[in-house]
Amino acid sequence: MRRLGTFVVLAVVSAVAACSDDVTAPGKTIELEIVSPVDTVMARGAVIALNAVATANGSPVTVDLIWESADPNIATVTQGGVVAGANVGRTVITVRTGTYWTSMPLRVVNADLAAVAAVLGDPLRGHLVTPLTAGVRSNVQDALLGADAARTSGHILALRDHLTTVGSQAAAATGADDRVMLATLRLLTDHAVRQLGLGTN
């Protein structure tokens, strides 16, 4: 029988499997899932709560869990699954019950979310978005609202994706006025992306 594990990310469509080894557990297969609210990237200084879900043959079960961080200098984890990003770098968070375990990679980045908030809160944003043609304006507004929500939740990857969507709209724009407005808006969103620290480790 195989030891199984799955890494699940909230608000992300895909899930990533984690562990495999043959074990003896007559009549029972335990599956562990780690659920993260921010995917696999968090800001240095941030705190997130991971959740582990255990099932046996497809049914939820209650088990004792042990949480571990491969490198506590990068991120620590409590026995309740609360992770604190200590320093920029990469580590692995593992949760165990008996001989079953699963893990997720975790990257801590030097993201300046306050600077991103200042960019997203710039009054120029509204002046640039309002004149856009209806279809383009709707797409850009959706992307910026998504960026606002991702910044608030600390979801670095979602924040990056929403911000880069604005750049995609700028590249695809055909109207002269739209291109001018979006080129300026893109300067703001590109600056915000650079504050996320994703290119530093």
C-alpha atoms as a PDB file:
ATOM      1  CA  MET A   1       0.000   0.000   0.000  1.00  0.00           C
ATOM      2  CA  ARG A   2       1.335   3.453  -0.801  1.00  0.00           C
ATOM      3  CA  ARG A   3       1.801   6.403   1.496  1.00  0.00           C
ATOM      4  CA  LEU A   4      -0.001   9.267  -0.159  1.00  0.00           C
ATOM      5  CA  GLY A   5      -0.039  13.016   0.169  1.00  0.00           C
ATOM      6  CA  THR A   6      -1.463  15.972  -1.691  1.00  0.00           C
ATOM      7  CA  PHE A   7      -0.713  19.677  -1.527  1.00  0.00           C
ATOM      8  CA  VAL A   8      -3.804  21.784  -2.125  1.00  0.00           C
ATOM      9  CA  VAL A   9      -3.838  25.554  -2.614  1.00  0.00           C
ATOM     10  CA  LEU A  10      -6.911  27.655  -1.862  1.00  0.00           C
ATOM     11  CA  ALA A  11      -8.118  29.771  -4.792  1.00  0.00           C
ATOM     12  CA  VAL A  12      -5.763  27.929  -7.146  1.00  0.00           C
ATOM     13  CA  VAL A  13      -7.163  25.376  -9.576  1.00  0.00           C
ATOM     14  CA  SER A  14      -4.276  22.893  -9.552  1.00  0.00           C
ATOM     15  CA  ALA A  15      -3.057  20.690  -6.685  1.00  0.00           C
ATOM     16  CA  VAL A  16       0.401  19.182  -6.332  1.00  0.00           C
ATOM     17  CA  ALA A  17       1.124  15.718  -4.943  1.00  0.00           C
ATOM     18  CA  ALA A  18       3.883  15.361  -2.384  1.00  0.00           C
ATOM     19  CA  CYS A  19       4.995  11.971  -1.060  1.00  0.00           C
ATOM     20  CA  SER A  20       5.254   8.304  -1.878  1.00  0.00           C
ATOM     21  CA  ASP A  21       6.673   5.201  -0.154  1.00  0.00           C
ATOM     22  CA  ASP A  22       5.350   1.701   0.434  1.00  0.00           C
ATOM     23  CA  VAL A  23       4.032   1.108   3.944  1.00  0.00           C
ATOM     24  CA  THR A  24       1.979  -1.566   5.641  1.00  0.00           C
ATOM     25  CA  ALA A  25      -1.415  -0.357   6.831  1.00  0.00           C
ATOM     26  CA  PRO A  26      -3.903  -3.211   6.457  1.00  0.00           C
ATOM     27  CA  GLY A  27      -7.236  -2.074   5.105  1.00  0.00           C
ATOM     28  CA  LYS A  28      -6.404   1.607   5.357  1.00  0.00           C
ATOM     29  CA  THR A  29      -4.736   4.268   3.248  1.00  0.00           C
ATOM     30  CA  ILE A  30      -4.207   7.675   4.812  1.00  0.00           C
ATOM     31  CA  GLU A  31      -4.122  10.751   2.618  1.00  0.00           C
ATOM     32  CA  LEU A  32      -2.870  14.086   3.945  1.00  0.00           C
ATOM     33  CA  GLU A  33      -3.512  17.430   2.293  1.00  0.00           C
ATOM     34  CA  ILE A  34      -1.902  20.741   3.183  1.00  0.00           C
ATOM     35  CA  VAL A  35      -4.162  23.684   2.424  1.00  0.00           C
ATOM     36  CA  SER A  36      -2.439  27.060   2.062  1.00  0.00           C
ATOM     37  CA  PRO A  37      -4.226  30.415   1.675  1.00  0.00           C
ATOM     38  CA  VAL A  38      -1.264  31.950  -0.185  1.00  0.00           C
ATOM     39  CA  ASP A  39      -0.009  29.182  -2.490  1.00  0.00           C
ATOM     40  CA  THR A  40       3.723  28.502  -1.970  1.00  0.00           C
ATOM     41  CA  VAL A  41       5.057  32.065  -1.592  1.00  0.00           C
ATOM     42  CA  MET A  42       4.761  34.375   1.408  1.00  0.00           C
ATOM     43  CA  ALA A  43       6.213  37.714   2.433  1.00  0.00           C
ATOM     44  CA  ARG A  44       9.006  37.977   4.971  1.00  0.00           C
ATOM     45  CA  GLY A  45       7.455  38.995   8.285  1.00  0.00           C
ATOM     46  CA  ALA A  46       4.040  37.612   7.337  1.00  0.00           C
ATOM     47  CA  VAL A  47       2.163  34.917   9.251  1.00  0.00           C
ATOM     48  CA  ILE A  48      -0.144  32.403   7.587  1.00  0.00           C
ATOM     49  CA  ALA A  49      -2.207  29.491   8.861  1.00  0.00           C
ATOM     50  CA  LEU A  50      -1.870  26.182   7.040  1.00  0.00           C
ATOM     51  CA  ASN A  51      -4.476  23.482   7.424  1.00  0.00           C
ATOM     52  CA  ALA A  52      -3.917  19.739   7.140  1.00  0.00           C
ATOM     53  CA  VAL A  53      -6.806  17.521   6.076  1.00  0.00           C
ATOM     54  CA  ALA A  54      -6.558  13.782   6.676  1.00  0.00           C
ATOM     55  CA  THR A  55      -8.728  11.146   5.018  1.00  0.00           C
ATOM     56  CA  ALA A  56      -8.754   7.356   5.244  1.00  0.00           C
ATOM     57  CA  ASN A  57     -10.131   5.522   2.226  1.00  0.00           C
ATOM     58  CA  GLY A  58     -11.840   8.746   1.187  1.00  0.00           C
ATOM     59  CA  SER A  59     -13.458   9.581   4.529  1.00  0.00           C
ATOM     60  CA  PRO A  60     -12.287  12.392   6.866  1.00  0.00           C
ATOM     61  CA  VAL A  61     -10.452  11.216   9.985  1.00  0.00           C
ATOM     62  CA  THR A  62      -9.023  12.934  13.043  1.00  0.00           C
ATOM     63  CA  VAL A  63      -5.322  12.280  13.562  1.00  0.00           C
ATOM     64  CA  ASP A  64      -2.467  13.692  15.600  1.00  0.00           C
ATOM     65  CA  LEU A  65      -0.256  15.896  13.432  1.00  0.00           C
ATOM     66  CA  ILE A  66       3.375  16.937  13.661  1.00  0.00           C
ATOM     67  CA  TRP A  67       4.459  19.997  11.669  1.00  0.00           C
ATOM     68  CA  GLU A  68       8.074  20.666  10.681  1.00  0.00           C
ATOM     69  CA  SER A  69      10.038  23.239   8.703  1.00  0.00           C
ATOM     70  CA  ALA A  70      13.131  22.033   6.893  1.00  0.00           C
ATOM     71  CA  ASP A  71      14.822  25.385   7.600  1.00  0.00           C
ATOM     72  CA  PRO A  72      13.456  27.339  10.577  1.00  0.00           C
ATOM     73  CA  ASN A  73      15.812  30.189   9.684  1.00  0.00           C
ATOM     74  CA  ILE A  74      13.624  30.777   6.625  1.00  0.00           C
ATOM     75  CA  ALA A  75      10.214  29.994   8.098  1.00  0.00           C
ATOM     76  CA  THR A  76       8.995  28.512  11.359  1.00  0.00           C
ATOM     77  CA  VAL A  77       5.840  26.469  11.839  1.00  0.00           C
ATOM     78  CA  THR A  78       3.943  25.794  15.050  1.00  0.00           C
ATOM     79  CA  GLN A  79       2.260  22.527  15.887  1.00  0.00           C
ATOM     80  CA  GLY A  80      -0.964  24.263  14.925  1.00  0.00           C
ATOM     81  CA  GLY A  81       0.288  24.845  11.379  1.00  0.00           C
ATOM     82  CA  VAL A  82       0.940  28.579  11.782  1.00  0.00           C
ATOM     83  CA  VAL A  83       3.868  29.629   9.592  1.00  0.00           C
ATOM     84  CA  ALA A  84       5.964  32.768  10.087  1.00  0.00           C
ATOM     85  CA  GLY A  85       8.236  33.977   7.308  1.00  0.00           C
ATOM     86  CA  ALA A  86      11.539  34.835   9.024  1.00  0.00           C
ATOM     87  CA  ASN A  87      14.057  35.404   6.235  1.00  0.00           C
ATOM     88  CA  VAL A  88      14.226  35.428   2.458  1.00  0.00           C
ATOM     89  CA  GLY A  89      14.816  31.964   1.046  1.00  0.00           C
ATOM     90  CA  ARG A  90      13.228  28.600   0.428  1.00  0.00           C
ATOM     91  CA  THR A  91      12.211  25.787   2.745  1.00  0.00           C
ATOM     92  CA  VAL A  92       9.810  22.848   2.892  1.00  0.00           C
ATOM     93  CA  ILE A  93       6.914  22.497   5.313  1.00  0.00           C
ATOM     94  CA  THR A  94       6.050  18.912   6.248  1.00  0.00           C
ATOM     95  CA  VAL A  95       3.136  17.490   8.201  1.00  0.00           C
ATOM     96  CA  ARG A  96       3.178  13.938   9.574  1.00  0.00           C
ATOM     97  CA  THR A  97       0.887  11.472  11.232  1.00  0.00           C
ATOM     98  CA  GLY A  98       2.459   8.154  12.090  1.00  0.00           C
ATOM     99  CA  THR A  99       4.267   6.872   8.990  1.00  0.00           C
ATOM    100  CA  TYR A 100       2.268   9.097   6.641  1.00  0.00           C
ATOM    101  CA  TRP A 101       3.466  12.518   5.587  1.00  0.00           C
ATOM    102  CA  THR A 102       3.130  15.182   2.949  1.00  0.00           C
ATOM    103  CA  SER A 103       5.028  18.378   2.277  1.00  0.00           C
ATOM    104  CA  MET A 104       4.864  21.667   0.406  1.00  0.00           C
ATOM    105  CA  PRO A 105       7.652  23.916  -0.846  1.00  0.00           C
ATOM    106  CA  LEU A 106       7.628  27.399   0.619  1.00  0.00           C
ATOM    107  CA  ARG A 107       9.419  30.487  -0.630  1.00  0.00           C
ATOM    108  CA  VAL A 108       9.782  33.596   1.539  1.00  0.00           C
ATOM    109  CA  VAL A 109      10.313  36.826  -0.399  1.00  0.00           C
ATOM    110  CA  ASN A 110      11.158  40.376   0.577  1.00  0.00           C
ATOM    111  CA  ALA A 111       7.814  41.775  -0.580  1.00  0.00           C
ATOM    112  CA  ASP A 112       7.031  45.402   0.290  1.00  0.00           C
ATOM    113  CA  LEU A 113       3.253  45.193   0.434  1.00  0.00           C
ATOM    114  CA  ALA A 114       3.009  48.693   1.889  1.00  0.00           C
ATOM    115  CA  ALA A 115       4.673  50.057  -1.242  1.00  0.00           C
ATOM    116  CA  VAL A 116       2.293  48.013  -3.392  1.00  0.00           C
ATOM    117  CA  ALA A 117      -0.647  49.423  -1.430  1.00  0.00           C
ATOM    118  CA  ALA A 118       0.615  52.938  -2.101  1.00  0.00           C
ATOM    119  CA  VAL A 119       0.816  52.237  -5.838  1.00  0.00           C
ATOM    120  CA  LEU A 120      -2.642  50.682  -5.968  1.00  0.00           C
ATOM    121  CA  GLY A 121      -4.049  53.562  -3.921  1.00  0.00           C
ATOM    122  CA  ASP A 122      -2.549  56.264  -6.155  1.00  0.00           C
ATOM    123  CA  PRO A 123      -5.348  58.629  -7.299  1.00  0.00           C
ATOM    124  CA  LEU A 124      -3.808  58.529 -10.764  1.00  0.00           C
ATOM    125  CA  ARG A 125      -5.190  54.996 -11.074  1.00  0.00           C
ATOM    126  CA  GLY A 126      -8.761  56.218 -11.362  1.00  0.00           C
ATOM    127  CA  HIS A 127      -7.857  58.982 -13.791  1.00  0.00           C
ATOM    128  CA  LEU A 128      -6.182  56.445 -16.071  1.00  0.00           C
ATOM    129  CA  VAL A 129      -8.858  53.751 -15.885  1.00  0.00           C
ATOM    130  CA  THR A 130     -12.011  55.860 -16.246  1.00  0.00           C
ATOM    131  CA  PRO A 131     -11.342  57.072 -19.839  1.00  0.00           C
ATOM    132  CA  LEU A 132     -10.691  53.570 -21.192  1.00  0.00           C
ATOM    133  CA  THR A 133     -13.157  52.060 -23.629  1.00  0.00           C
ATOM    134  CA  ALA A 134     -15.806  49.909 -21.946  1.00  0.00           C
ATOM    135  CA  GLY A 135     -14.407  46.432 -22.644  1.00  0.00           C
ATOM    136  CA  VAL A 136     -10.844  47.354 -21.804  1.00  0.00           C
ATOM    137  CA  ARG A 137     -11.924  49.298 -18.718  1.00  0.00           C
ATOM    138  CA  SER A 138     -13.868  46.303 -17.374  1.00  0.00           C
ATOM    139  CA  ASN A 139     -10.884  43.965 -17.789  1.00  0.00           C
ATOM    140  CA  VAL A 140      -8.476  46.414 -16.174  1.00  0.00           C
ATOM    141  CA  GLN A 141     -10.834  47.153 -13.289  1.00  0.00           C
ATOM    142  CA  ASP A 142     -11.250  43.417 -12.621  1.00  0.00           C
ATOM    143  CA  ALA A 143      -7.473  42.955 -12.607  1.00  0.00           C
ATOM    144  CA  LEU A 144      -6.904  45.868 -10.244  1.00  0.00           C
ATOM    145  CA  LEU A 145      -9.664  44.766  -7.876  1.00  0.00           C
ATOM    146  CA  GLY A 146      -8.123  41.298  -7.861  1.00  0.00           C
ATOM    147  CA  ALA A 147      -4.762  42.878  -7.056  1.00  0.00           C
ATOM    148  CA  ASP A 148      -6.324  44.802  -4.171  1.00  0.00           C
ATOM    149  CA  ALA A 149      -7.772  41.592  -2.713  1.00  0.00           C
ATOM    150  CA  ALA A 150      -4.542  39.639  -3.186  1.00  0.00           C
ATOM    151  CA  ARG A 151      -2.488  42.347  -1.495  1.00  0.00           C
ATOM    152  CA  THR A 152      -4.852  42.376   1.475  1.00  0.00           C
ATOM    153  CA  SER A 153      -4.624  38.587   1.859  1.00  0.00           C
ATOM    154  CA  GLY A 154      -0.867  38.477   1.257  1.00  0.00           C
ATOM    155  CA  HIS A 155      -1.206  36.205  -1.776  1.00  0.00           C
ATOM    156  CA  ILE A 156       1.986  37.242  -3.582  1.00  0.00           C
ATOM    157  CA  LEU A 157       1.575  35.090  -6.700  1.00  0.00           C
ATOM    158  CA  ALA A 158      -2.030  36.114  -7.272  1.00  0.00           C
ATOM    159  CA  LEU A 159      -1.021  39.748  -6.772  1.00  0.00           C
ATOM    160  CA  ARG A 160       1.698  39.408  -9.400  1.00  0.00           C
ATOM    161  CA  ASP A 161      -0.697  37.735 -11.837  1.00  0.00           C
ATOM    162  CA  HIS A 162      -3.347  40.441 -11.481  1.00  0.00           C
ATOM    163  CA  LEU A 163      -0.786  43.205 -11.910  1.00  0.00           C
ATOM    164  CA  THR A 164       0.732  41.627 -15.000  1.00  0.00           C
ATOM    165  CA  THR A 165      -2.747  41.298 -16.497  1.00  0.00           C
ATOM    166  CA  VAL A 166      -2.758  45.092 -16.729  1.00  0.00           C
ATOM    167  CA  GLY A 167       0.437  44.873 -18.768  1.00  0.00           C
ATOM    168  CA  SER A 168      -1.209  42.326 -21.054  1.00  0.00           C
ATOM    169  CA  GLN A 169      -4.103  44.695 -21.619  1.00  0.00           C
ATOM    170  CA  ALA A 170      -1.658  47.451 -22.487  1.00  0.00           C
ATOM    171  CA  ALA A 171       0.091  45.227 -25.031  1.00  0.00           C
ATOM    172  CA  ALA A 172      -3.212  44.213 -26.621  1.00  0.00           C
ATOM    173  CA  ALA A 173      -4.811  47.672 -26.766  1.00  0.00           C
ATOM    174  CA  THR A 174      -5.604  48.981 -30.240  1.00  0.00           C
ATOM    175  CA  GLY A 175      -7.154  52.387 -29.611  1.00  0.00           C
ATOM    176  CA  ALA A 176      -4.728  55.288 -29.405  1.00  0.00           C
ATOM    177  CA  ASP A 177      -6.267  56.726 -26.242  1.00  0.00           C
ATOM    178  CA  ASP A 178      -6.362  53.315 -24.573  1.00  0.00           C
ATOM    179  CA  ARG A 179      -2.710  52.723 -25.412  1.00  0.00           C
ATOM    180  CA  VAL A 180      -1.679  56.037 -23.880  1.00  0.00           C
ATOM    181  CA  MET A 181      -3.641  55.488 -20.670  1.00  0.00           C
ATOM    182  CA  LEU A 182      -2.558  51.882 -20.300  1.00  0.00           C
ATOM    183  CA  ALA A 183       1.094  52.643 -20.978  1.00  0.00           C
ATOM    184  CA  THR A 184       1.081  55.021 -18.024  1.00  0.00           C
ATOM    185  CA  LEU A 185      -0.901  52.618 -15.863  1.00  0.00           C
ATOM    186  CA  ARG A 186       1.547  49.874 -16.736  1.00  0.00           C
ATOM    187  CA  LEU A 187       4.397  51.974 -15.324  1.00  0.00           C
ATOM    188  CA  LEU A 188       2.569  51.914 -11.990  1.00  0.00           C
ATOM    189  CA  THR A 189       1.757  48.206 -12.016  1.00  0.00           C
ATOM    190  CA  ASP A 190       5.249  47.212 -13.192  1.00  0.00           C
ATOM    191  CA  HIS A 191       6.666  49.216 -10.292  1.00  0.00           C
ATOM    192  CA  ALA A 192       4.320  47.349  -7.937  1.00  0.00           C
ATOM    193  CA  VAL A 193       5.475  43.978  -9.312  1.00  0.00           C
ATOM    194  CA  ARG A 194       9.078  44.922  -8.609  1.00  0.00           C
ATOM    195  CA  GLN A 195       8.148  45.431  -4.947  1.00  0.00           C
ATOM    196  CA  LEU A 196       7.153  41.778  -4.600  1.00  0.00           C
ATOM    197  CA  GLY A 197      10.726  40.494  -4.367  1.00  0.00           C
ATOM    198  CA  LEU A 198      10.103  37.553  -6.664  1.00  0.00           C
ATOM    199  CA  GLY A 199      13.383  37.983  -8.509  1.00  0.00           C
ATOM    200  CA  THR A 200      15.637  37.914  -5.468  1.00  0.00           C
ATOM    201  CA  ASN A 201      15.765  34.264  -4.387  1.00  0.00           C
END
